[in-house]
């Protein structure tokens, strides 16, 4: 009986010692200045992608983006688009309601990204038209499943873009 009591006391002491060690390791680890993120940034002075989740009335983020989805176990993808239903017109409200019912984004849709400064479009197009592969490309889309870069058509003519008239459908 006393042997069992002594073993119980030792086990409690070992548990407290383990908790103390884990706490000390976490405390020390939390006070270090180890780099943040996956890897250090290469630096540079180019335009940065704008992401502002606190922007009102809608968050500012690249689109499509999984940050704009919500979990839905009844959806085939397990997600639903989480579109804001705030709208100024009935047509926009209808569109947003229908968008909110989708289970994902189009696999053949445009990508919208805002930057904090103008892009050097001549340099961007030149780098993508060289045909040297992705080593010199200026824009990448990465498949997060396997880390591979997805080929993009940027200015090669398969999907022409007229930058001189970006809002040609509606007068400003």
N, C-alpha and C. Protein backbone atom coordinates (compact mmCIF):
# COMPACT_ATOMS: atom_id res chain seq x y z
N UNK A 1 0.82 -1.19 0.00
CA UNK A 1 0.00 0.00 0.00
C UNK A 1 0.87 1.26 0.00
N UNK A 2 1.89 1.26 0.86
CA UNK A 2 2.77 2.42 0.93
C UNK A 2 3.57 2.57 -0.35
N UNK A 3 3.91 1.43 -0.95
CA UNK A 3 4.65 1.47 -2.21
C UNK A 3 3.80 2.11 -3.31
N UNK A 4 2.52 1.79 -3.32
CA UNK A 4 1.60 2.36 -4.31
C UNK A 4 1.43 3.86 -4.08
N UNK A 5 1.37 4.28 -2.81
CA UNK A 5 1.27 5.70 -2.47
C UNK A 5 2.51 6.45 -2.93
N UNK A 6 3.67 5.85 -2.70
CA UNK A 6 4.93 6.48 -3.10
C UNK A 6 4.99 6.62 -4.62
N UNK A 7 4.52 5.58 -5.34
CA UNK A 7 4.53 5.63 -6.80
C UNK A 7 3.58 6.73 -7.29
N UNK A 8 2.43 6.89 -6.65
CA UNK A 8 1.47 7.93 -7.03
C UNK A 8 2.08 9.31 -6.81
N UNK A 9 2.78 9.50 -5.69
CA UNK A 9 3.43 10.78 -5.41
C UNK A 9 4.49 11.06 -6.46
N UNK A 10 5.30 10.03 -6.82
CA UNK A 10 6.35 10.22 -7.83
C UNK A 10 5.73 10.58 -9.19
N UNK A 11 4.61 9.94 -9.55
CA UNK A 11 3.95 10.23 -10.83
C UNK A 11 3.44 11.68 -10.86
N UNK A 12 2.88 12.13 -9.72
CA UNK A 12 2.42 13.52 -9.65
C UNK A 12 3.60 14.47 -9.79
N UNK A 13 4.72 14.14 -9.12
CA UNK A 13 5.91 14.98 -9.23
C UNK A 13 6.42 15.01 -10.67
N UNK A 14 6.40 13.86 -11.34
CA UNK A 14 6.86 13.80 -12.73
C UNK A 14 5.94 14.62 -13.65
N UNK A 15 4.65 14.56 -13.39
CA UNK A 15 3.72 15.35 -14.20
C UNK A 15 3.98 16.84 -14.03
N UNK A 16 4.17 17.27 -12.78
CA UNK A 16 4.45 18.68 -12.54
C UNK A 16 5.78 19.09 -13.16
N UNK A 17 6.76 18.21 -13.10
CA UNK A 17 8.05 18.50 -13.72
C UNK A 17 7.89 18.64 -15.24
N UNK A 18 7.10 17.75 -15.84
CA UNK A 18 6.87 17.82 -17.29
C UNK A 18 6.14 19.11 -17.65
N UNK A 19 5.13 19.47 -16.87
CA UNK A 19 4.40 20.71 -17.13
C UNK A 19 5.33 21.90 -16.99
N UNK A 20 6.19 21.90 -15.99
CA UNK A 20 7.14 23.00 -15.80
C UNK A 20 8.10 23.10 -16.98
N UNK A 21 8.61 21.96 -17.47
CA UNK A 21 9.52 21.96 -18.62
C UNK A 21 8.82 22.49 -19.87
N UNK A 22 7.64 22.01 -20.14
CA UNK A 22 6.90 22.47 -21.32
C UNK A 22 6.63 23.97 -21.20
N UNK A 23 6.22 24.43 -20.03
CA UNK A 23 5.98 25.85 -19.82
C UNK A 23 7.23 26.68 -20.04
N UNK A 24 8.37 26.19 -19.53
CA UNK A 24 9.63 26.92 -19.70
C UNK A 24 10.02 26.98 -21.18
N UNK A 25 9.85 25.88 -21.89
CA UNK A 25 10.19 25.86 -23.31
C UNK A 25 9.30 26.82 -24.09
N UNK A 26 8.01 26.82 -23.80
CA UNK A 26 7.10 27.74 -24.48
C UNK A 26 7.42 29.18 -24.15
N UNK A 27 7.76 29.45 -22.90
CA UNK A 27 8.10 30.81 -22.49
C UNK A 27 9.36 31.29 -23.20
N UNK A 28 10.37 30.45 -23.23
CA UNK A 28 11.62 30.82 -23.90
C UNK A 28 11.39 30.96 -25.40
N UNK A 29 10.63 30.03 -25.99
CA UNK A 29 10.36 30.09 -27.42
C UNK A 29 9.56 31.31 -27.81
N UNK A 30 8.68 31.76 -26.94
CA UNK A 30 7.87 32.93 -27.23
C UNK A 30 8.64 34.23 -27.11
N UNK A 31 9.79 34.21 -26.48
CA UNK A 31 10.57 35.43 -26.28
C UNK A 31 11.69 35.58 -27.29
N UNK A 32 11.86 34.61 -28.18
CA UNK A 32 12.95 34.72 -29.15
C UNK A 32 12.51 35.55 -30.34
N UNK A 33 13.47 35.99 -31.11
CA UNK A 33 13.20 36.81 -32.29
C UNK A 33 13.45 35.99 -33.55
N UNK A 34 12.90 34.79 -33.60
CA UNK A 34 13.04 33.95 -34.77
C UNK A 34 12.15 34.53 -35.86
N UNK A 35 12.60 34.48 -37.13
CA UNK A 35 11.87 35.07 -38.25
C UNK A 35 10.42 34.62 -38.33
N UNK A 36 9.58 35.50 -38.79
CA UNK A 36 8.16 35.20 -38.94
C UNK A 36 7.88 34.75 -40.36
N UNK A 37 6.85 33.96 -40.55
CA UNK A 37 6.46 33.53 -41.88
C UNK A 37 7.20 32.28 -42.30
N UNK A 38 7.00 31.91 -43.55
CA UNK A 38 7.60 30.69 -44.07
C UNK A 38 9.07 30.87 -44.40
N UNK A 39 9.44 32.05 -44.87
CA UNK A 39 10.82 32.32 -45.25
C UNK A 39 11.04 33.82 -45.23
N UNK A 40 12.29 34.25 -45.08
CA UNK A 40 12.54 35.69 -45.10
C UNK A 40 12.22 36.28 -46.48
N UNK A 41 11.73 37.49 -46.48
CA UNK A 41 11.41 38.18 -47.73
C UNK A 41 12.70 38.55 -48.45
N UNK A 42 12.63 38.54 -49.77
CA UNK A 42 13.78 38.94 -50.56
C UNK A 42 13.95 40.44 -50.60
N UNK A 43 13.05 41.17 -49.98
CA UNK A 43 13.15 42.62 -49.98
C UNK A 43 12.69 43.17 -51.32
N UNK A 44 13.05 44.38 -51.60
CA UNK A 44 12.66 45.00 -52.85
C UNK A 44 11.81 46.22 -52.62
N UNK A 45 11.59 46.94 -53.70
CA UNK A 45 10.82 48.18 -53.58
C UNK A 45 9.61 48.19 -54.50
N UNK A 46 9.23 47.03 -55.01
CA UNK A 46 8.10 46.95 -55.92
C UNK A 46 6.77 47.08 -55.22
N UNK A 47 5.70 47.16 -56.00
CA UNK A 47 4.36 47.26 -55.43
C UNK A 47 4.01 46.04 -54.60
N UNK A 48 3.24 46.26 -53.57
CA UNK A 48 2.80 45.18 -52.68
C UNK A 48 1.31 44.93 -52.90
N UNK A 49 0.91 43.67 -52.74
CA UNK A 49 -0.50 43.30 -52.82
C UNK A 49 -1.22 43.90 -51.62
N UNK A 50 -2.39 44.48 -51.85
CA UNK A 50 -3.18 45.08 -50.78
C UNK A 50 -4.13 44.04 -50.20
N UNK A 51 -4.03 43.81 -48.89
CA UNK A 51 -4.95 42.94 -48.16
C UNK A 51 -5.34 43.68 -46.89
N UNK A 52 -6.62 43.98 -46.77
CA UNK A 52 -7.13 44.69 -45.59
C UNK A 52 -8.46 44.07 -45.22
N UNK A 53 -8.44 43.16 -44.26
CA UNK A 53 -9.65 42.45 -43.86
C UNK A 53 -10.61 43.34 -43.07
N UNK A 54 -10.12 44.49 -42.58
CA UNK A 54 -10.96 45.40 -41.79
C UNK A 54 -11.61 46.49 -42.63
N UNK A 55 -11.32 46.54 -43.93
CA UNK A 55 -11.89 47.56 -44.81
C UNK A 55 -13.41 47.45 -44.83
N UNK A 56 -14.09 48.57 -44.81
CA UNK A 56 -15.55 48.61 -44.84
C UNK A 56 -16.00 49.30 -46.12
N UNK A 57 -17.08 48.92 -46.76
CA UNK A 57 -18.00 47.89 -46.32
C UNK A 57 -17.55 46.47 -46.66
N UNK A 58 -16.53 46.30 -47.52
CA UNK A 58 -16.08 44.96 -47.90
C UNK A 58 -14.59 44.84 -47.69
N UNK A 59 -14.10 43.68 -47.28
CA UNK A 59 -12.65 43.50 -47.11
C UNK A 59 -11.92 43.62 -48.44
N UNK A 60 -10.70 44.09 -48.39
CA UNK A 60 -9.86 44.24 -49.57
C UNK A 60 -8.91 43.05 -49.62
N UNK A 61 -9.12 42.16 -50.59
CA UNK A 61 -8.24 41.01 -50.73
C UNK A 61 -8.27 40.52 -52.16
N UNK A 62 -7.22 39.82 -52.59
CA UNK A 62 -7.23 39.24 -53.93
C UNK A 62 -8.43 38.31 -54.09
N UNK A 63 -8.96 38.28 -55.32
CA UNK A 63 -10.16 37.47 -55.55
C UNK A 63 -9.98 36.66 -56.81
N UNK A 64 -10.30 35.40 -56.83
CA UNK A 64 -10.91 34.59 -55.80
C UNK A 64 -9.93 34.26 -54.68
N UNK A 65 -10.48 33.95 -53.52
CA UNK A 65 -9.64 33.71 -52.36
C UNK A 65 -10.43 32.89 -51.35
N UNK A 66 -9.80 31.87 -50.77
CA UNK A 66 -10.49 31.05 -49.78
C UNK A 66 -10.85 31.83 -48.52
N UNK A 67 -10.23 33.00 -48.33
CA UNK A 67 -10.63 33.84 -47.20
C UNK A 67 -12.05 34.36 -47.38
N UNK A 68 -12.55 34.30 -48.62
CA UNK A 68 -13.91 34.77 -48.91
C UNK A 68 -14.90 33.61 -48.92
N UNK A 69 -14.58 32.54 -48.21
CA UNK A 69 -15.49 31.39 -48.14
C UNK A 69 -15.82 31.09 -46.69
N UNK A 70 -16.82 30.24 -46.52
CA UNK A 70 -17.19 29.77 -45.19
C UNK A 70 -17.41 28.27 -45.27
N UNK A 71 -17.19 27.54 -44.18
CA UNK A 71 -17.41 26.09 -44.20
C UNK A 71 -18.89 25.76 -44.38
N UNK A 72 -19.15 24.73 -45.18
CA UNK A 72 -20.51 24.23 -45.37
C UNK A 72 -20.44 22.73 -45.64
N UNK A 73 -20.79 21.91 -44.65
CA UNK A 73 -20.68 20.46 -44.83
C UNK A 73 -21.61 19.91 -45.90
N UNK A 74 -22.65 20.66 -46.29
CA UNK A 74 -23.58 20.20 -47.32
C UNK A 74 -23.11 20.52 -48.74
N UNK A 75 -22.03 21.27 -48.86
CA UNK A 75 -21.50 21.64 -50.17
C UNK A 75 -20.56 20.55 -50.69
N UNK A 76 -20.52 20.30 -52.00
CA UNK A 76 -19.59 19.30 -52.54
C UNK A 76 -18.13 19.62 -52.24
N UNK A 77 -17.80 20.91 -52.13
CA UNK A 77 -16.41 21.30 -51.85
C UNK A 77 -16.15 21.48 -50.36
N UNK A 78 -17.21 21.46 -49.55
CA UNK A 78 -17.06 21.71 -48.12
C UNK A 78 -17.04 23.20 -47.80
N UNK A 79 -17.19 24.05 -48.84
CA UNK A 79 -17.15 25.50 -48.67
C UNK A 79 -18.31 26.15 -49.41
N UNK A 80 -18.63 27.36 -49.02
CA UNK A 80 -19.55 28.23 -49.75
C UNK A 80 -18.90 29.61 -49.80
N UNK A 81 -19.17 30.33 -50.87
CA UNK A 81 -18.67 31.70 -50.95
C UNK A 81 -19.41 32.52 -49.91
N UNK A 82 -18.67 33.33 -49.19
CA UNK A 82 -19.23 34.14 -48.10
C UNK A 82 -19.33 35.59 -48.57
N UNK A 83 -20.23 35.85 -49.50
CA UNK A 83 -20.38 37.19 -50.05
C UNK A 83 -21.23 38.04 -49.12
N UNK A 84 -20.82 39.28 -48.98
CA UNK A 84 -21.63 40.22 -48.20
C UNK A 84 -22.93 40.45 -48.94
N UNK A 85 -24.02 40.54 -48.23
CA UNK A 85 -25.31 40.76 -48.85
C UNK A 85 -25.70 42.24 -48.87
N UNK A 86 -24.80 43.12 -48.41
CA UNK A 86 -25.05 44.55 -48.48
C UNK A 86 -25.00 44.99 -49.93
N UNK A 87 -26.01 45.72 -50.38
CA UNK A 87 -26.04 46.15 -51.78
C UNK A 87 -26.84 47.45 -51.89
N UNK A 88 -26.47 48.25 -52.89
CA UNK A 88 -27.17 49.52 -53.13
C UNK A 88 -28.39 49.35 -54.02
N UNK A 89 -28.38 48.32 -54.87
CA UNK A 89 -29.49 48.13 -55.80
C UNK A 89 -30.08 46.72 -55.65
N UNK A 90 -31.29 46.55 -56.14
CA UNK A 90 -31.94 45.24 -56.10
C UNK A 90 -31.16 44.23 -56.94
N UNK A 91 -30.65 44.67 -58.10
CA UNK A 91 -29.90 43.77 -58.97
C UNK A 91 -28.63 43.28 -58.27
N UNK A 92 -27.93 44.20 -57.62
CA UNK A 92 -26.71 43.81 -56.91
C UNK A 92 -27.05 42.88 -55.75
N UNK A 93 -28.14 43.15 -55.05
CA UNK A 93 -28.55 42.27 -53.95
C UNK A 93 -28.85 40.87 -54.45
N UNK A 94 -29.54 40.78 -55.60
CA UNK A 94 -29.83 39.47 -56.20
C UNK A 94 -28.54 38.76 -56.58
N UNK A 95 -27.63 39.49 -57.20
CA UNK A 95 -26.34 38.91 -57.59
C UNK A 95 -25.59 38.40 -56.37
N UNK A 96 -25.51 39.21 -55.32
CA UNK A 96 -24.78 38.81 -54.11
C UNK A 96 -25.43 37.61 -53.44
N UNK A 97 -26.76 37.55 -53.43
CA UNK A 97 -27.46 36.41 -52.84
C UNK A 97 -27.12 35.13 -53.62
N UNK A 98 -27.11 35.21 -54.94
CA UNK A 98 -26.78 34.04 -55.76
C UNK A 98 -25.31 33.66 -55.63
N UNK A 99 -24.45 34.66 -55.54
CA UNK A 99 -23.03 34.39 -55.34
C UNK A 99 -22.81 33.68 -54.01
N UNK A 100 -23.55 34.08 -53.00
CA UNK A 100 -23.42 33.50 -51.66
C UNK A 100 -23.84 32.03 -51.62
N UNK A 101 -24.58 31.58 -52.63
CA UNK A 101 -25.02 30.18 -52.67
C UNK A 101 -24.03 29.27 -53.39
N UNK A 102 -23.03 29.83 -54.09
CA UNK A 102 -22.08 29.01 -54.85
C UNK A 102 -21.17 28.22 -53.92
N UNK A 103 -20.73 27.05 -54.39
CA UNK A 103 -19.86 26.19 -53.58
C UNK A 103 -18.38 26.35 -53.94
N UNK A 104 -18.04 27.39 -54.65
CA UNK A 104 -16.64 27.64 -54.98
C UNK A 104 -16.55 28.64 -56.12
N UNK A 105 -15.32 28.85 -56.57
CA UNK A 105 -15.06 29.83 -57.62
C UNK A 105 -14.90 29.12 -58.96
N UNK A 106 -15.04 29.86 -60.02
CA UNK A 106 -14.86 29.31 -61.36
C UNK A 106 -13.41 28.89 -61.55
N UNK A 107 -13.20 27.82 -62.28
CA UNK A 107 -11.83 27.38 -62.57
C UNK A 107 -11.27 28.10 -63.79
N UNK A 108 -12.09 28.94 -64.41
CA UNK A 108 -11.68 29.63 -65.63
C UNK A 108 -12.03 31.11 -65.55
N UNK A 109 -11.88 31.69 -64.39
CA UNK A 109 -12.28 33.08 -64.18
C UNK A 109 -11.07 34.00 -64.06
N UNK A 110 -11.34 35.27 -64.20
CA UNK A 110 -10.30 36.27 -64.02
C UNK A 110 -9.89 36.34 -62.56
N UNK A 111 -8.68 36.82 -62.33
CA UNK A 111 -8.16 37.02 -60.98
C UNK A 111 -8.04 38.53 -60.77
N UNK A 112 -8.53 39.02 -59.65
CA UNK A 112 -8.48 40.44 -59.35
C UNK A 112 -7.57 40.67 -58.14
N UNK A 113 -6.53 41.48 -58.35
CA UNK A 113 -5.57 41.79 -57.28
C UNK A 113 -5.28 43.28 -57.33
N UNK A 114 -5.36 43.96 -56.19
CA UNK A 114 -5.02 45.38 -56.13
C UNK A 114 -3.63 45.53 -55.52
N UNK A 115 -2.86 46.47 -56.05
CA UNK A 115 -1.52 46.76 -55.55
C UNK A 115 -1.49 48.16 -54.97
N UNK A 116 -0.49 48.43 -54.11
CA UNK A 116 -0.40 49.74 -53.46
C UNK A 116 0.32 50.78 -54.31
N UNK A 117 0.78 50.40 -55.49
CA UNK A 117 1.47 51.32 -56.39
C UNK A 117 1.26 50.81 -57.82
N UNK A 118 1.44 51.68 -58.82
CA UNK A 118 1.27 51.24 -60.20
C UNK A 118 2.29 50.16 -60.58
N UNK A 119 1.87 49.24 -61.43
CA UNK A 119 2.77 48.20 -61.93
C UNK A 119 3.49 48.71 -63.17
N UNK A 120 4.69 48.24 -63.40
CA UNK A 120 5.42 48.53 -64.63
C UNK A 120 4.95 47.52 -65.67
N UNK A 121 3.90 47.89 -66.42
CA UNK A 121 3.26 46.95 -67.33
C UNK A 121 4.18 46.52 -68.47
N UNK A 122 5.01 47.42 -68.95
CA UNK A 122 5.94 47.04 -70.03
C UNK A 122 6.89 45.94 -69.55
N UNK A 123 7.44 46.10 -68.36
CA UNK A 123 8.34 45.08 -67.80
C UNK A 123 7.61 43.77 -67.56
N UNK A 124 6.41 43.86 -67.03
CA UNK A 124 5.61 42.67 -66.75
C UNK A 124 5.34 41.89 -68.03
N UNK A 125 4.87 42.59 -69.08
CA UNK A 125 4.57 41.91 -70.34
C UNK A 125 5.83 41.35 -70.98
N UNK A 126 6.91 42.10 -70.96
CA UNK A 126 8.18 41.62 -71.54
C UNK A 126 8.65 40.34 -70.86
N UNK A 127 8.59 40.29 -69.57
CA UNK A 127 9.06 39.10 -68.84
C UNK A 127 8.22 37.87 -69.15
N UNK A 128 6.93 38.07 -69.39
CA UNK A 128 6.07 36.92 -69.69
C UNK A 128 6.12 36.52 -71.15
N UNK A 129 6.49 37.43 -72.03
CA UNK A 129 6.54 37.12 -73.47
C UNK A 129 7.87 36.51 -73.90
N UNK A 130 8.88 36.55 -73.06
CA UNK A 130 10.21 36.04 -73.45
C UNK A 130 10.20 34.55 -73.76
N UNK A 131 9.29 33.83 -73.14
CA UNK A 131 9.24 32.40 -73.38
C UNK A 131 10.34 31.63 -72.68
N UNK A 132 10.91 32.22 -71.65
CA UNK A 132 12.00 31.54 -70.93
C UNK A 132 11.47 30.67 -69.80
N UNK A 133 10.19 30.39 -69.82
CA UNK A 133 9.62 29.59 -68.74
C UNK A 133 9.27 30.47 -67.55
N UNK A 134 8.99 29.84 -66.44
CA UNK A 134 8.53 30.57 -65.27
C UNK A 134 9.66 31.18 -64.46
N UNK A 135 10.90 30.90 -64.83
CA UNK A 135 12.03 31.41 -64.05
C UNK A 135 12.06 32.93 -64.02
N UNK A 136 11.60 33.58 -65.08
CA UNK A 136 11.68 35.03 -65.17
C UNK A 136 10.30 35.69 -65.09
N UNK A 137 9.25 34.92 -64.91
CA UNK A 137 7.91 35.50 -64.86
C UNK A 137 7.77 36.45 -63.68
N UNK A 138 6.91 37.45 -63.86
CA UNK A 138 6.69 38.45 -62.81
C UNK A 138 5.51 38.09 -61.93
N UNK A 139 4.58 37.28 -62.44
CA UNK A 139 3.36 36.94 -61.71
C UNK A 139 3.25 35.43 -61.64
N UNK A 140 2.94 34.93 -60.45
CA UNK A 140 2.76 33.50 -60.24
C UNK A 140 1.44 33.26 -59.52
N UNK A 141 0.81 32.15 -59.86
CA UNK A 141 -0.28 31.61 -59.07
C UNK A 141 0.20 30.24 -58.65
N UNK A 142 0.17 29.98 -57.34
CA UNK A 142 0.74 28.74 -56.81
C UNK A 142 -0.39 27.82 -56.35
N UNK A 143 -0.32 26.56 -56.78
CA UNK A 143 -1.25 25.54 -56.31
C UNK A 143 -0.79 25.12 -54.92
N UNK A 144 -1.56 25.45 -53.90
CA UNK A 144 -1.15 25.17 -52.52
C UNK A 144 -1.19 23.70 -52.17
N UNK A 145 -1.85 22.88 -52.99
CA UNK A 145 -1.88 21.44 -52.73
C UNK A 145 -0.49 20.83 -52.90
N UNK A 146 0.21 21.22 -53.99
CA UNK A 146 1.52 20.61 -54.24
C UNK A 146 2.65 21.63 -54.39
N UNK A 147 2.34 22.92 -54.29
CA UNK A 147 3.37 23.95 -54.36
C UNK A 147 3.83 24.28 -55.76
N UNK A 148 3.16 23.76 -56.78
CA UNK A 148 3.59 24.01 -58.15
C UNK A 148 2.99 25.32 -58.67
N UNK A 149 3.74 25.97 -59.56
CA UNK A 149 3.25 27.20 -60.18
C UNK A 149 2.29 26.84 -61.30
N UNK A 150 1.19 27.58 -61.38
CA UNK A 150 0.18 27.36 -62.42
C UNK A 150 0.52 28.27 -63.60
N UNK A 151 0.59 27.73 -64.82
CA UNK A 151 0.90 28.58 -65.98
C UNK A 151 -0.17 29.65 -66.19
N UNK A 152 0.27 30.86 -66.50
CA UNK A 152 -0.65 31.97 -66.74
C UNK A 152 -0.44 32.52 -68.15
N UNK A 153 -1.50 33.01 -68.75
CA UNK A 153 -1.40 33.71 -70.02
C UNK A 153 -1.40 35.20 -69.70
N UNK A 154 -0.23 35.80 -69.73
CA UNK A 154 -0.11 37.24 -69.45
C UNK A 154 0.41 37.90 -70.72
N UNK A 155 -0.50 38.46 -71.50
CA UNK A 155 -0.11 39.22 -72.68
C UNK A 155 0.39 38.40 -73.84
N UNK A 156 0.10 37.10 -73.90
CA UNK A 156 0.57 36.31 -75.04
C UNK A 156 -0.46 36.26 -76.15
N UNK A 157 -1.64 36.81 -75.94
CA UNK A 157 -2.61 36.94 -77.01
C UNK A 157 -3.76 35.97 -76.96
N UNK A 158 -3.68 34.93 -76.17
CA UNK A 158 -4.78 33.97 -76.10
C UNK A 158 -6.03 34.63 -75.49
N UNK A 159 -5.81 35.55 -74.58
CA UNK A 159 -6.91 36.28 -73.94
C UNK A 159 -6.56 37.76 -74.00
N UNK A 160 -6.84 38.44 -75.12
CA UNK A 160 -6.40 39.83 -75.26
C UNK A 160 -7.04 40.75 -74.22
N UNK A 161 -6.27 41.70 -73.78
CA UNK A 161 -6.71 42.67 -72.78
C UNK A 161 -6.38 44.06 -73.30
N UNK A 162 -7.34 44.94 -73.29
CA UNK A 162 -7.12 46.29 -73.74
C UNK A 162 -6.97 47.17 -72.51
N UNK A 163 -5.72 47.49 -72.16
CA UNK A 163 -5.47 48.27 -70.95
C UNK A 163 -5.78 49.75 -71.15
N UNK A 164 -5.80 50.21 -72.39
CA UNK A 164 -6.06 51.63 -72.63
C UNK A 164 -7.51 51.99 -72.29
N UNK A 165 -8.42 51.03 -72.35
CA UNK A 165 -9.83 51.28 -72.09
C UNK A 165 -10.37 50.25 -71.09
N UNK A 166 -9.95 50.32 -69.84
CA UNK A 166 -10.35 49.28 -68.89
C UNK A 166 -11.83 49.28 -68.54
N UNK A 167 -12.52 50.41 -68.75
CA UNK A 167 -13.95 50.46 -68.40
C UNK A 167 -14.76 50.84 -69.64
N UNK A 168 -14.53 50.15 -70.72
CA UNK A 168 -15.13 50.54 -71.99
C UNK A 168 -16.64 50.30 -72.06
N UNK A 169 -17.21 49.54 -71.14
CA UNK A 169 -18.62 49.22 -71.22
C UNK A 169 -19.52 50.30 -70.64
N UNK A 170 -19.02 51.05 -69.68
CA UNK A 170 -19.84 52.05 -69.04
C UNK A 170 -19.11 53.38 -69.03
N UNK A 171 -19.80 54.47 -69.36
CA UNK A 171 -19.13 55.77 -69.28
C UNK A 171 -18.90 56.16 -67.82
N UNK A 172 -17.79 56.83 -67.57
CA UNK A 172 -17.48 57.27 -66.20
C UNK A 172 -17.96 58.68 -65.99
